[in-house]
Protein backbone atom coordinates (compact mmCIF):
# COMPACT_ATOMS: atom_id res chain seq x y z
CA UNK A 1 111.69 103.42 77.38
CA UNK A 2 107.98 102.68 76.08
CA UNK A 3 105.33 99.76 76.82
CA UNK A 4 106.87 96.56 74.77
CA UNK A 5 104.90 94.01 73.63
CA UNK A 6 106.61 91.90 76.15
CA UNK A 7 105.22 94.04 78.69
CA UNK A 8 101.80 93.93 76.98
CA UNK A 9 101.80 89.90 77.35
CA UNK A 10 103.08 90.37 80.39
CA UNK A 11 100.74 92.46 82.41
CA UNK A 12 97.55 90.23 80.25
CA UNK A 13 98.53 86.81 81.81
CA UNK A 14 99.15 88.48 85.05
CA UNK A 15 96.09 89.92 85.24
CA UNK A 16 93.93 87.22 83.89
CA UNK A 17 95.87 84.75 86.31
CA UNK A 18 95.14 87.16 89.25
CA UNK A 19 91.46 87.43 88.22
CA UNK A 20 90.54 83.67 87.50
CA UNK A 21 92.64 83.56 91.26
CA UNK A 22 89.38 85.75 92.31
CA UNK A 23 85.87 84.20 90.51
CA UNK A 24 87.59 80.53 91.71
CA UNK A 25 87.94 81.68 95.60
CA UNK A 26 84.36 83.73 94.79
CA UNK A 27 83.31 80.27 94.47
CA UNK A 28 83.76 79.62 97.97
CA UNK A 29 81.05 82.00 98.93
CA UNK A 30 78.21 81.17 100.22
CA UNK A 31 77.16 83.13 102.79
CA UNK A 32 78.17 86.77 104.73
CA UNK A 33 80.34 85.38 106.85
CA UNK A 34 82.37 83.99 104.16
CA UNK A 35 81.90 87.07 102.36
CA UNK A 36 82.20 90.05 104.83
CA UNK A 37 84.67 87.57 107.25
CA UNK A 38 86.15 84.34 104.75
CA UNK A 39 84.25 82.80 108.18
CA UNK A 40 87.52 83.30 110.03
CA UNK A 41 89.34 80.36 108.90
CA UNK A 42 92.49 81.60 107.04
CA UNK A 43 95.72 80.13 107.99
CA UNK A 44 98.93 81.98 109.07
CA UNK A 45 100.46 82.37 105.58
CA UNK A 46 97.46 83.48 104.09
CA UNK A 47 97.17 85.88 106.94
CA UNK A 48 100.69 87.26 107.06
CA UNK A 49 99.26 87.74 102.79
CA UNK A 50 96.71 89.21 103.55
CA UNK A 51 98.20 92.20 105.91
CA UNK A 52 100.88 93.01 103.69
CA UNK A 53 98.84 92.86 100.95
CA UNK A 54 95.90 95.16 102.42
CA UNK A 55 98.38 97.34 104.09
CA UNK A 56 101.02 97.71 101.17
CA UNK A 57 99.46 100.18 97.78
CA UNK A 58 100.70 101.03 94.44
CA UNK A 59 100.57 104.87 95.97
CA UNK A 60 103.15 103.66 99.30
CA UNK A 61 106.10 103.66 96.39
CA UNK A 62 104.92 106.87 94.84
CA UNK A 63 104.87 108.88 97.64
CA UNK A 64 107.57 108.11 99.98
CA UNK A 65 109.85 107.93 96.98
CA UNK A 66 108.43 111.27 96.39
CA UNK A 67 109.39 112.26 99.46
CA UNK A 68 112.83 110.63 99.84
CA UNK A 69 113.35 112.19 96.11
CA UNK A 70 112.67 115.75 97.78
CA UNK A 71 114.19 115.27 101.39
CA UNK A 72 116.66 112.70 101.22
CA UNK A 73 116.38 109.27 103.27
CA UNK A 74 114.47 111.06 106.20
CA UNK A 75 111.87 111.00 104.04
CA UNK A 76 111.39 107.12 105.16
CA UNK A 77 109.33 107.89 108.59
CA UNK A 78 106.67 108.95 106.29
CA UNK A 79 106.17 105.46 105.52
CA UNK A 80 108.22 104.07 109.10
CA UNK A 81 106.14 105.86 111.17
CA UNK A 82 104.21 102.62 112.47
CA UNK A 83 107.40 100.99 113.01
CA UNK A 84 108.34 101.76 116.73
CA UNK A 85 104.01 100.88 116.49
CA UNK A 86 104.65 97.11 115.24
CA UNK A 87 105.50 95.36 117.62
CA UNK A 88 102.65 96.37 119.57
CA UNK A 89 100.52 94.58 116.53
CA UNK A 90 102.04 91.59 118.41
CA UNK A 91 99.36 92.73 121.98
CA UNK A 92 97.00 93.93 119.89
CA UNK A 93 96.38 91.62 117.51
CA UNK A 94 92.91 89.31 119.15
CA UNK A 95 92.00 91.79 120.37
CA UNK A 96 90.68 92.62 116.44
CA UNK A 97 88.97 88.67 117.04
CA UNK A 98 87.58 89.05 120.74
CA UNK A 99 85.61 91.94 119.80
CA UNK A 100 83.83 88.36 117.86
CA UNK A 101 81.92 91.36 115.59
CA UNK A 102 81.65 91.97 111.53
CA UNK A 103 82.88 95.25 111.52
CA UNK A 104 84.61 98.00 113.91
CA UNK A 105 81.54 100.15 113.63
CA UNK A 106 79.32 97.58 115.63
CA UNK A 107 82.29 97.41 118.29
CA UNK A 108 81.97 101.07 118.24
CA UNK A 109 77.81 100.80 118.88
CA UNK A 110 78.94 98.22 121.52
CA UNK A 111 80.41 100.08 123.12
CA UNK A 112 78.87 103.88 122.81
CA UNK A 113 76.07 103.39 121.64
CA UNK A 114 74.13 103.04 118.69
CA UNK A 115 74.16 107.26 117.12
CA UNK A 116 77.99 106.22 117.61
CA UNK A 117 78.29 103.51 116.12
CA UNK A 118 76.47 105.85 112.92
CA UNK A 119 79.36 108.31 113.64
CA UNK A 120 81.79 105.48 113.46
CA UNK A 121 80.13 104.68 110.21
CA UNK A 122 80.24 107.77 108.13
CA UNK A 123 84.03 108.25 109.57
CA UNK A 124 84.53 104.58 107.69
CA UNK A 125 82.87 105.76 104.34
CA UNK A 126 85.09 108.32 104.14
CA UNK A 127 87.91 106.96 105.02
CA UNK A 128 87.54 103.90 102.56
CA UNK A 129 86.63 107.07 100.36
CA UNK A 130 89.87 108.28 100.18
CA UNK A 131 92.20 105.75 100.65
CA UNK A 132 90.44 104.18 96.81
CA UNK A 133 90.81 107.26 95.66
CA UNK A 134 94.23 107.24 97.05
CA UNK A 135 95.95 103.94 96.00
CA UNK A 136 94.30 104.39 92.13
CA UNK A 137 95.71 107.30 91.73
CA UNK A 138 99.08 106.53 93.34
CA UNK A 139 98.73 103.33 90.58
CA UNK A 140 97.90 105.61 87.65
CA UNK A 141 100.96 108.14 88.45
CA UNK A 142 103.97 105.40 88.49
CA UNK A 143 101.66 103.54 85.44
CA UNK A 144 101.78 106.46 83.17
CA UNK A 145 105.32 107.77 83.98
CA UNK A 146 106.12 104.35 83.71
CA UNK A 147 104.44 104.51 79.52
CA UNK A 148 106.36 107.05 78.61
CA UNK A 149 103.39 109.77 79.51
CA UNK A 150 100.91 108.35 77.06
CA UNK A 151 98.84 106.63 78.82
CA UNK A 152 96.96 109.83 81.43
CA UNK A 153 96.80 108.65 85.25
CA UNK A 154 92.37 108.62 84.75
CA UNK A 155 92.41 106.38 81.27
CA UNK A 156 94.62 104.15 84.49
CA UNK A 157 92.55 104.65 87.57
CA UNK A 158 89.32 104.10 85.21
CA UNK A 159 90.50 100.72 83.50
CA UNK A 160 91.83 99.47 87.29
CA UNK A 161 88.36 100.24 89.07
CA UNK A 162 86.88 97.57 86.09
CA UNK A 163 89.26 95.36 86.36
CA UNK A 164 89.29 94.98 90.09
CA UNK A 165 85.03 95.07 91.07
CA UNK A 166 84.75 91.89 88.15
CA UNK A 167 86.10 89.65 90.52
CA UNK A 168 85.96 91.36 94.03
CA UNK A 169 81.97 92.05 93.57
CA UNK A 170 81.53 88.65 93.77
CA UNK A 171 84.47 87.06 95.29
CA UNK A 172 84.44 88.70 99.21
CA UNK A 173 87.43 88.78 101.03
CA UNK A 174 87.75 85.10 100.58
CA UNK A 175 88.67 86.38 96.71
CA UNK A 176 90.86 89.46 98.23
CA UNK A 177 92.92 87.52 100.76
CA UNK A 178 93.79 84.71 98.23
CA UNK A 179 94.88 87.33 95.17
CA UNK A 180 96.35 89.45 98.07
CA UNK A 181 98.83 86.24 99.33
CA UNK A 182 99.55 85.62 95.38
CA UNK A 183 100.85 89.15 94.39
CA UNK A 184 102.38 89.42 97.64
CA UNK A 185 105.67 87.78 96.74
CA UNK A 186 105.73 90.10 93.09
CA UNK A 187 105.79 92.90 95.27
CA UNK A 188 108.84 91.77 97.40
CA UNK A 189 110.65 90.87 94.58
CA UNK A 190 110.30 94.22 92.57
CA UNK A 191 110.12 96.80 95.01
CA UNK A 192 113.89 95.90 95.93
CA UNK A 193 114.01 94.73 91.29
CA UNK A 194 115.00 98.49 90.45
CA UNK A 195 118.01 98.74 92.54
CA UNK A 196 120.24 96.47 91.10
CA UNK A 197 119.40 98.10 87.25
CA UNK A 198 120.60 101.67 89.11
CA UNK A 199 123.08 101.13 91.12
CA UNK A 200 126.13 101.20 89.07
CA UNK A 201 124.45 103.90 86.73
CA UNK A 202 124.58 106.35 89.45
CA UNK A 203 128.15 105.28 91.26
CA UNK A 204 126.50 103.55 93.86
CA UNK A 205 126.44 105.10 97.07
CA UNK A 206 130.00 107.40 96.95
CA UNK A 207 128.37 108.18 93.87
CA UNK A 208 125.32 108.97 95.38
CA UNK A 209 126.95 111.47 97.28
CA UNK A 210 129.49 113.12 95.60
CA UNK A 211 125.67 114.09 93.56
CA UNK A 212 122.76 114.37 96.40
CA UNK A 213 123.70 116.51 99.41
CA UNK A 214 124.82 115.11 102.42
CA UNK A 215 121.79 115.63 104.53
CA UNK A 216 120.01 113.01 102.63
CA UNK A 217 121.56 110.03 103.70
CA UNK A 218 120.40 110.58 107.30
CA UNK A 219 117.67 109.32 108.29
CA UNK A 220 116.84 111.91 111.23
CA UNK A 221 117.89 115.28 108.94
CA UNK A 222 116.87 118.75 110.30
CA UNK A 223 116.27 119.14 106.50
CA UNK A 224 113.67 116.40 106.33
CA UNK A 225 112.11 114.47 109.39
CA UNK A 226 113.31 115.38 112.74
CA UNK A 227 112.96 113.12 115.56
CA UNK A 228 110.02 114.82 116.92
CA UNK A 229 108.25 114.41 113.71
CA UNK A 230 109.28 110.61 113.78
CA UNK A 231 107.49 110.58 117.20
CA UNK A 232 104.80 112.07 116.43
CA UNK A 233 104.06 109.71 112.86
CA UNK A 234 104.97 107.00 115.30
CA UNK A 235 102.01 107.80 117.56
CA UNK A 236 99.70 109.11 114.68
CA UNK A 237 100.22 105.45 113.42
CA UNK A 238 99.28 103.82 116.33
CA UNK A 239 96.30 105.12 117.96
CA UNK A 240 94.79 105.53 114.58
CA UNK A 241 95.71 101.62 113.26
CA UNK A 242 93.00 100.91 116.01
CA UNK A 243 89.95 103.35 114.25
CA UNK A 244 90.85 101.46 110.68
CA UNK A 245 87.90 99.93 109.80
CA UNK A 246 90.08 97.11 107.37
CA UNK A 247 91.59 96.72 110.25
CA UNK A 248 88.93 93.87 111.61
CA UNK A 249 89.38 92.11 108.59
CA UNK A 250 92.84 92.00 108.16
CA UNK A 251 93.22 90.77 111.53
CA UNK A 252 90.82 88.95 113.17
CA UNK A 253 90.31 86.68 110.65
CA UNK A 254 92.30 84.34 111.09
CA UNK A 255 91.95 80.54 112.17
CA UNK A 256 92.47 81.51 116.05
CA UNK A 257 94.83 84.25 118.28
CA UNK A 258 98.26 83.51 117.33
CA UNK A 259 97.42 82.70 113.73
CA UNK A 260 96.36 86.86 114.01
CA UNK A 261 99.05 87.85 116.00
CA UNK A 262 101.37 86.70 113.80
CA UNK A 263 99.61 87.58 110.29
CA UNK A 264 99.61 91.11 111.61
CA UNK A 265 103.19 91.74 112.94
CA UNK A 266 105.21 89.41 110.73
CA UNK A 267 103.25 90.70 107.38
CA UNK A 268 103.41 94.15 108.48
CA UNK A 269 106.89 93.53 109.22
CA UNK A 270 107.35 92.59 105.89
CA UNK A 271 105.98 96.09 104.22
CA UNK A 272 108.82 97.64 106.34
CA UNK A 273 111.78 95.90 104.59
CA UNK A 274 110.38 96.58 101.55
CA UNK A 275 109.84 100.10 102.38
CA UNK A 276 113.55 99.96 102.14
CA UNK A 277 113.23 99.56 98.87
CA UNK A 278 111.45 102.22 97.56
CA UNK A 279 113.26 105.07 99.54
CA UNK A 280 116.36 104.33 97.81
CA UNK A 281 114.96 104.54 94.44
CA UNK A 282 113.86 108.25 95.59
CA UNK A 283 117.29 108.51 96.38
CA UNK A 284 119.01 106.62 92.99
CA UNK A 285 116.27 108.72 91.03
CA UNK A 286 117.82 112.28 92.83
CA UNK A 287 121.05 111.74 91.91
CA UNK A 288 120.24 110.74 88.77
CA UNK A 289 118.28 114.06 88.50
CA UNK A 290 121.55 115.78 89.40
CA UNK A 291 123.76 114.44 87.12
CA UNK A 292 121.05 114.87 84.14
CA UNK A 293 120.96 111.28 82.85
CA UNK A 294 118.16 110.90 80.53
CA UNK A 295 118.43 114.43 80.01
CA UNK A 296 116.47 114.98 82.41
CA UNK A 297 117.80 117.45 84.93
CA UNK A 298 114.16 118.42 87.41
CA UNK A 299 111.05 116.38 88.26
CA UNK A 300 107.57 118.83 87.56
CA UNK A 301 105.96 116.65 90.45
CA UNK A 302 108.26 114.84 92.33
CA UNK A 303 106.24 111.92 93.15
CA UNK A 304 106.93 111.08 89.27
CA UNK A 305 110.37 109.57 90.82
CA UNK A 306 109.26 105.78 90.76
CA UNK A 307 107.69 105.57 87.94
CA UNK A 308 110.68 108.13 86.05
CA UNK A 309 112.76 105.17 87.52
CA UNK A 310 110.46 102.28 86.37
CA UNK A 311 110.99 103.87 82.45
CA UNK A 312 114.21 104.14 82.34
CA UNK A 313 115.82 101.36 84.13
CA UNK A 314 113.27 98.28 83.75
CA UNK A 315 113.75 95.42 80.50
CA UNK A 316 111.32 94.93 78.19
CA UNK A 317 108.62 92.27 80.31
CA UNK A 318 110.81 93.46 83.49
CA UNK A 319 108.40 96.56 83.18
CA UNK A 320 105.09 94.52 82.30
CA UNK A 321 105.88 93.04 85.56
CA UNK A 322 106.12 95.53 87.15
CA UNK A 323 103.45 97.37 85.97
CA UNK A 324 101.01 94.30 86.90
CA UNK A 325 102.18 93.88 90.25
CA UNK A 326 101.13 97.66 91.54
CA UNK A 327 97.60 96.97 89.34
CA UNK A 328 97.14 93.87 91.23
CA UNK A 329 98.31 95.14 95.46
CA UNK A 330 95.99 98.12 94.30
CA UNK A 331 93.14 95.86 92.80
CA UNK A 332 93.56 93.25 96.00
CA UNK A 333 92.86 95.93 98.69
CA UNK A 334 91.05 97.62 96.45
CA UNK A 335 88.29 94.64 97.00
CA UNK A 336 89.28 94.89 100.26
CA UNK A 337 87.46 98.34 100.89
CA UNK A 338 84.82 97.23 98.41
CA UNK A 339 83.78 94.46 100.67
CA UNK A 340 84.84 95.96 104.21
CA UNK A 341 82.76 98.87 103.22
CA UNK A 342 79.94 96.72 102.68
CA UNK A 343 80.33 94.92 105.82
CA UNK A 344 80.21 98.72 106.93
CA UNK A 345 76.64 100.05 105.79
CA UNK A 346 75.33 96.34 105.52
CA UNK A 347 75.22 95.75 109.08
CA UNK A 348 75.91 99.19 110.70
CA UNK A 349 73.56 100.97 108.72
CA UNK A 350 70.98 98.89 106.73
CA UNK A 351 70.20 95.49 108.25
CA UNK A 352 70.11 97.12 112.37
CA UNK A 353 68.07 100.11 111.88
CA UNK A 354 66.51 100.20 107.94
CA UNK A 355 65.37 96.51 106.49
CA UNK A 356 65.22 94.05 109.66
CA UNK A 357 64.48 90.11 109.54
CA UNK A 358 65.47 89.64 105.48
CA UNK A 359 67.11 86.46 104.19
CA UNK A 360 71.46 86.15 104.56
CA UNK A 361 71.31 86.14 100.79
CA UNK A 362 69.31 89.47 100.71
CA UNK A 363 71.94 91.34 102.67
CA UNK A 364 74.66 89.79 101.44
CA UNK A 365 73.78 91.58 97.86
CA UNK A 366 73.52 94.24 99.96
CA UNK A 367 76.74 94.27 100.58
CA UNK A 368 78.30 93.89 97.39
CA UNK A 369 75.98 96.63 95.96
CA UNK A 370 77.00 99.43 98.77
CA UNK A 371 80.50 98.18 98.80
CA UNK A 372 80.46 99.05 95.03
CA UNK A 373 79.00 102.49 95.53
CA UNK A 374 81.42 103.38 98.19
CA UNK A 375 84.88 102.71 95.43
CA UNK A 376 82.72 104.54 92.38
CA UNK A 377 83.15 107.36 95.27
CA UNK A 378 86.35 106.85 95.73
CA UNK A 379 86.73 106.39 92.07
CA UNK A 380 85.35 110.11 91.91
CA UNK A 381 87.37 111.32 93.91
CA UNK A 382 90.73 110.46 92.46
CA UNK A 383 89.89 111.71 89.35
CA UNK A 384 89.36 115.33 90.38
CA UNK A 385 90.60 115.82 94.06
CA UNK A 386 93.55 114.56 94.60
CA UNK A 387 96.63 116.39 94.08
CA UNK A 388 99.06 115.34 95.78
CA UNK A 389 98.85 110.99 97.03
CA UNK A 390 100.83 112.23 100.28
CA UNK A 391 99.23 114.64 101.47
CA UNK A 392 96.00 111.95 101.05
CA UNK A 393 97.61 109.55 103.02
CA UNK A 394 98.42 111.55 105.58
CA UNK A 395 94.81 112.32 105.65
CA UNK A 396 93.23 109.74 106.45
CA UNK A 397 95.97 108.75 108.45
CA UNK A 398 95.25 111.18 110.15
CA UNK A 399 91.57 110.95 110.72
CA UNK A 400 92.33 107.66 111.91
CA UNK A 401 93.92 109.17 115.36
CA UNK A 402 91.64 111.14 115.89
CA UNK A 403 88.97 108.28 115.86
CA UNK A 404 91.42 105.58 117.30
CA UNK A 405 91.05 108.54 120.55
CA UNK A 406 87.76 107.07 121.65
CA UNK A 407 88.04 103.51 120.04
CA UNK A 408 91.73 102.43 121.33
CA UNK A 409 90.04 104.84 125.26
CA UNK A 410 87.04 103.21 124.79
CA UNK A 411 89.36 99.14 125.61
CA UNK A 412 91.56 100.32 127.63
CA UNK A 413 89.42 102.61 130.27
CA UNK A 414 86.00 101.32 131.34
CA UNK A 415 84.81 105.21 132.21
CA UNK A 416 85.25 106.52 128.38
CA UNK A 417 82.25 107.43 127.30
CA UNK A 418 79.72 107.97 124.00
CA UNK A 419 80.19 112.24 125.58
CA UNK A 420 83.54 111.77 125.49
CA UNK A 421 84.06 110.36 122.01
CA UNK A 422 82.13 112.50 119.84
CA UNK A 423 83.60 115.23 121.96
CA UNK A 424 87.20 114.44 121.44
CA UNK A 425 86.35 113.40 118.19
CA UNK A 426 84.84 116.78 117.32
CA UNK A 427 87.46 119.11 118.80
CA UNK A 428 90.22 116.93 117.90
CA UNK A 429 89.41 117.68 114.48
CA UNK A 430 88.47 121.49 114.84
CA UNK A 431 91.85 122.14 116.61
CA UNK A 432 93.55 120.46 113.62
CA UNK A 433 91.61 122.31 110.56
CA UNK A 434 91.71 125.42 112.56
CA UNK A 435 95.30 125.85 112.48
CA UNK A 436 95.72 124.75 108.95
CA UNK A 437 92.96 127.11 107.58
CA UNK A 438 94.87 129.95 109.95
CA UNK A 439 98.52 128.62 108.79
CA UNK A 440 96.67 129.51 104.60
CA UNK A 441 97.67 125.93 103.84
CA UNK A 442 95.64 122.64 102.25
CA UNK A 443 93.36 120.60 104.81
CA UNK A 444 95.11 117.73 104.05
CA UNK A 445 98.28 119.02 104.65
CA UNK A 446 100.27 117.06 107.88
CA UNK A 447 102.82 118.39 110.09
CA UNK A 448 103.29 117.83 113.29
CA UNK A 449 102.88 120.38 115.50
CA UNK A 450 99.54 120.97 114.31
CA UNK A 451 98.81 116.76 114.85
CA UNK A 452 100.11 116.72 118.35
CA UNK A 453 98.31 120.42 119.42
CA UNK A 454 95.26 118.25 118.03
CA UNK A 455 95.69 114.92 118.67
CA UNK A 456 95.95 116.08 122.78
CA UNK A 457 93.74 118.53 122.11
CA UNK A 458 91.42 115.01 121.05
CA UNK A 459 92.48 113.22 124.52
CA UNK A 460 92.02 115.43 126.91
CA UNK A 461 88.05 115.86 125.63
CA UNK A 462 87.44 112.50 125.76
CA UNK A 463 88.61 112.40 130.03
CA UNK A 464 87.44 115.33 131.02
CA UNK A 465 84.11 115.37 129.32
CA UNK A 466 83.74 111.40 130.10
CA UNK A 467 84.13 112.49 134.39
CA UNK A 468 81.24 114.99 133.60
CA UNK A 469 78.56 113.27 132.00
CA UNK A 470 76.66 109.56 132.87
CA UNK A 471 79.22 106.67 132.55
CA UNK A 472 77.90 103.60 129.78
CA UNK A 473 74.83 101.33 130.72
CA UNK A 474 76.72 98.77 133.04
CA UNK A 475 75.51 95.75 132.31
CA UNK A 476 76.55 97.00 128.01
CA UNK A 477 79.86 97.21 129.47
CA UNK A 478 79.89 94.36 131.52
CA UNK A 479 79.35 92.39 128.36
CA UNK A 480 81.98 94.29 126.01
CA UNK A 481 85.01 93.69 128.51
CA UNK A 482 84.42 90.70 129.16
CA UNK A 483 84.19 89.92 125.39
CA UNK A 484 87.28 91.09 125.40
CA UNK A 485 88.76 89.19 128.14
CA UNK A 486 87.78 86.02 127.26
CA UNK A 487 89.95 84.64 124.12
CA UNK A 488 88.24 83.31 121.27
CA UNK A 489 90.22 80.11 121.66
CA UNK A 490 88.38 78.96 125.09
CA UNK A 491 84.98 80.51 123.35
CA UNK A 492 84.06 80.82 120.15
CA UNK A 493 80.79 82.75 121.14
CA UNK A 494 80.18 85.65 123.10
CA UNK A 495 80.94 84.21 127.27
CA UNK A 496 78.41 84.66 129.74
CA UNK A 497 78.39 84.03 133.96
CA UNK A 498 80.52 85.47 135.31
CA UNK A 499 82.12 82.09 137.88
CA UNK A 500 83.29 80.98 134.28
CA UNK A 501 84.86 84.09 132.83
CA UNK A 502 86.52 84.24 135.85
CA UNK A 503 87.71 80.89 135.21
CA UNK A 504 88.74 81.58 132.12
CA UNK A 505 90.90 84.88 132.75
CA UNK A 506 92.37 82.36 135.76
CA UNK A 507 93.39 80.45 133.41
CA UNK A 508 95.26 82.63 130.60
CA UNK A 509 96.63 83.99 133.90
CA UNK A 510 98.67 81.07 135.02
CA UNK A 511 99.17 80.18 131.45
CA UNK A 512 101.18 83.30 130.38
CA UNK A 513 97.98 84.55 127.55
CA UNK A 514 96.15 87.40 129.92
CA UNK A 515 96.09 90.07 127.24
CA UNK A 516 98.11 92.96 128.20
CA UNK A 517 96.15 95.57 125.96
CA UNK A 518 92.97 94.99 127.59
CA UNK A 519 94.27 94.77 131.11
CA UNK A 520 96.83 97.94 130.26
CA UNK A 521 95.70 100.47 133.13
CA UNK A 522 94.93 96.97 135.70
CA UNK A 523 97.77 94.93 135.10
CA UNK A 524 98.19 93.80 138.73
CA UNK A 525 94.38 92.85 139.21
CA UNK A 526 94.75 90.87 135.19
CA UNK A 527 97.92 89.16 136.49
CA UNK A 528 95.03 87.23 139.19
CA UNK A 529 97.54 86.87 141.83
CA UNK A 530 101.15 85.73 139.57
CA UNK A 531 103.93 88.08 138.87
CA UNK A 532 103.61 90.35 135.29
CA UNK A 533 105.71 88.39 133.23
CA UNK A 534 104.06 85.20 133.91
CA UNK A 535 100.98 86.64 133.89
CA UNK A 536 101.44 89.14 129.96
CA UNK A 537 104.85 86.57 128.85
CA UNK A 538 103.20 85.78 125.65
CA UNK A 539 102.58 89.51 124.95
CA UNK A 540 105.51 90.65 126.64
CA UNK A 541 107.42 87.84 125.39
CA UNK A 542 106.46 88.95 121.10
CA UNK A 543 106.15 92.33 122.04
CA UNK A 544 110.35 91.98 122.50
CA UNK A 545 110.83 90.37 119.05
CA UNK A 546 109.50 92.75 117.52
CA UNK A 547 111.34 95.63 119.73
CA UNK A 548 114.76 93.86 118.54
CA UNK A 549 113.17 93.66 114.88
CA UNK A 550 111.94 97.01 114.54
CA UNK A 551 115.20 98.58 115.97
CA UNK A 552 117.17 95.78 113.95
CA UNK A 553 116.12 97.15 110.28
CA UNK A 554 116.91 100.60 111.76
CA UNK A 555 120.39 100.36 112.56
CA UNK A 556 121.44 98.15 109.45
CA UNK A 557 119.64 100.65 107.05
CA UNK A 558 122.41 103.09 108.83
CA UNK A 559 125.07 101.19 108.21
CA UNK A 560 124.37 100.67 104.54
CA UNK A 561 123.26 104.50 104.53
CA UNK A 562 127.16 104.55 105.80
CA UNK A 563 128.92 102.31 104.34
């Protein structure tokens, strides 16, 4: 199926609406706080849409459908790796607001000192570059396949870049949040649109079972993704999420801590549901190819599976709507990355260490320009260097985990210091890349055993080196951990005074809002004489609900596959 006139009308109309929304939101940007953080006044629905939109990119259905096409339904765990980490998001969310900073780079500097903050900022800028490239390349593959291969992947990458820069350069996080919110509804609908269109064509589950190997319908198959790999992927996501540089803006910009919790957890849970739709598309395409439908008996690239389904199943107009939503999803996320990378450079490097005491308007333009430069680096990487989108995706997630060892460790353990932090990062990366090199594999490959060895090396190094070297200055550590202990609902600015902080902690424990994450290594002390359930019941109740929803999603998916 070629792109019809109806598709072009839908695409152009939708993109005009998205750009209009972005530019309208841009008119609200008055200063760097608006541009980088949306003034921390987003409501719960906008936060859900933002978490879902920023966390959902076009390369995800591309890479997942390709993985499932190759390995079967067990490939869903490449993107469900955060499913069992999702309940922890309820507990983690308030921490991103209690940091009371613009970027995680500033948080790292507070915790470990100036040069460790610079190390994190360097990592974060590389993270944005690689992820921007992955998103653009993934969208390019889908759209090019949907158009019959006539457009060209790199042409799509260039066109998308021009469009999202048009509004993100001026609109900042406010424009990103609103475009995320509106396009989120389409992503949900279009994640499942292909399924009813192809279901009867392949004969439903019975028809697919007759043409595809049985093991491909297992969620944990020896031929695909084992329980061990699932566990390692879950650890990868749980530790790495704290270090992903866009998380502070995506999670910590709600109007209060409850709003941040709701947005972070439910926005990502909706994404886990959509993942089922992407996986079903992959297994349907495997059945179609096995049956020789549309004159196709194999795909040159497994990651063409999602685009193949789009091209052959969607009718005129619907194809254009799907392409437009893919473009919009990536443009809004690239917009967020552009804003966040600008914030990292401006706040973490330029304003703090290069040019001080300028006006806020001056730094606003520095943020816009530096974000644009990082985005263009991602475009170059997408055009010339990406081989497999899935590998690039897992590489950035894994690097975030190695950095996350020191970030999460710095929140949980007061004795962690800068020498342990930088050593853990270096050792983990050396172990990771050396093992892949010795195996003759690509350095952006992902293997559960290699990841496990690198992760253990990083954790052990953080602990051992921190204990063998001097601790961080007590005054700085007291300031850092006092911020984490005191809710922003009680004190928006940094707390002061030991008696005041102690009183706030007692009130939090009494009301059940004490932070489980911050007090994890000394829960009894944090409970202030109350029972653990009473002191941490907001965290624990949300966590248990999250576990139930995660387990329920796996169970329902398993039931569907075994009907």
